[in-house]
């Protein structure tokens, strides 16, 4: 199970953890950026172009998007 899948399945619990300040709110932003990246991939864009478009949508640098992608695709 990847980190993205875990967050997707436990979204309500993670929101409670954020409200209780157990975990960082950046998780939701990273989840959204990776979700947008996946949308662009499904539209037929290659990995680099999809990452660039997702970064432009969220005003994040390209390097940050690639780090988020690697983070979300790691097995937990």
Protein backbone atom coordinates (compact mmCIF):
# COMPACT_ATOMS: atom_id res chain seq x y z
CA UNK A 1 0.00 0.00 0.00
CA UNK A 2 1.40 3.38 -1.00
CA UNK A 3 1.19 6.48 1.14
CA UNK A 4 -1.36 7.99 -1.27
CA UNK A 5 -3.61 4.92 -0.96
CA UNK A 6 -3.31 5.01 2.84
CA UNK A 7 -4.31 8.67 3.00
CA UNK A 8 -7.17 8.05 0.58
CA UNK A 9 -8.55 5.19 2.69
CA UNK A 10 -8.08 6.98 6.04
CA UNK A 11 -8.88 10.54 5.01
CA UNK A 12 -11.36 11.29 7.82
CA UNK A 13 -8.99 10.00 10.50
CA UNK A 14 -6.14 12.05 9.07
CA UNK A 15 -8.32 15.17 9.11
CA UNK A 16 -8.99 14.56 12.82
CA UNK A 17 -5.27 14.10 13.43
CA UNK A 18 -4.60 17.42 11.73
CA UNK A 19 -7.30 19.12 13.81
CA UNK A 20 -5.70 17.67 16.96
CA UNK A 21 -2.27 18.74 15.69
CA UNK A 22 -0.93 15.21 15.69
CA UNK A 23 0.18 15.47 12.09
CA UNK A 24 1.05 18.28 9.69
CA UNK A 25 -1.51 19.96 7.45
CA UNK A 26 0.92 19.66 4.54
CA UNK A 27 -0.28 16.09 4.11
CA UNK A 28 -3.54 17.36 2.61
CA UNK A 29 -1.71 19.69 0.22
CA UNK A 30 0.66 16.93 -0.87
CA UNK A 31 -2.31 14.61 -1.32
CA UNK A 32 -4.02 17.20 -3.55
CA UNK A 33 -0.88 17.85 -5.62
CA UNK A 34 -0.35 14.14 -6.20
CA UNK A 35 -4.02 13.73 -7.11
CA UNK A 36 -3.70 16.49 -9.70
CA UNK A 37 -0.53 14.84 -11.03
CA UNK A 38 -2.47 11.59 -11.47
CA UNK A 39 -5.24 13.40 -13.34
CA UNK A 40 -2.72 14.78 -15.83
CA UNK A 41 -1.14 11.31 -16.20
CA UNK A 42 -4.56 9.83 -17.01
CA UNK A 43 -5.03 12.52 -19.65
CA UNK A 44 -1.99 11.11 -21.44
CA UNK A 45 0.79 13.49 -20.39
CA UNK A 46 4.21 12.05 -19.62
CA UNK A 47 5.53 12.13 -16.05
CA UNK A 48 7.56 15.30 -16.41
CA UNK A 49 4.84 17.32 -18.11
CA UNK A 50 2.21 16.12 -15.63
CA UNK A 51 4.47 17.11 -12.72
CA UNK A 52 5.13 20.54 -14.25
CA UNK A 53 1.41 21.21 -14.76
CA UNK A 54 0.56 20.06 -11.23
CA UNK A 55 3.28 22.35 -9.88
CA UNK A 56 1.90 25.27 -11.86
CA UNK A 57 -1.61 24.60 -10.56
CA UNK A 58 -0.47 24.71 -6.93
CA UNK A 59 2.35 27.25 -7.33
CA UNK A 60 4.99 24.76 -6.21
CA UNK A 61 8.46 24.28 -7.66
CA UNK A 62 9.15 21.36 -9.96
CA UNK A 63 11.61 19.81 -7.52
CA UNK A 64 9.01 19.92 -4.75
CA UNK A 65 6.46 18.17 -6.97
CA UNK A 66 8.91 15.38 -7.80
CA UNK A 67 9.68 14.95 -4.08
CA UNK A 68 5.95 14.77 -3.33
CA UNK A 69 5.48 12.18 -6.09
CA UNK A 70 8.29 10.03 -4.69
CA UNK A 71 6.89 10.41 -1.19
CA UNK A 72 3.34 9.47 -2.19
CA UNK A 73 4.48 6.44 -4.19
CA UNK A 74 6.57 4.90 -1.39
CA UNK A 75 5.27 1.76 0.24
CA UNK A 76 4.29 1.98 3.89
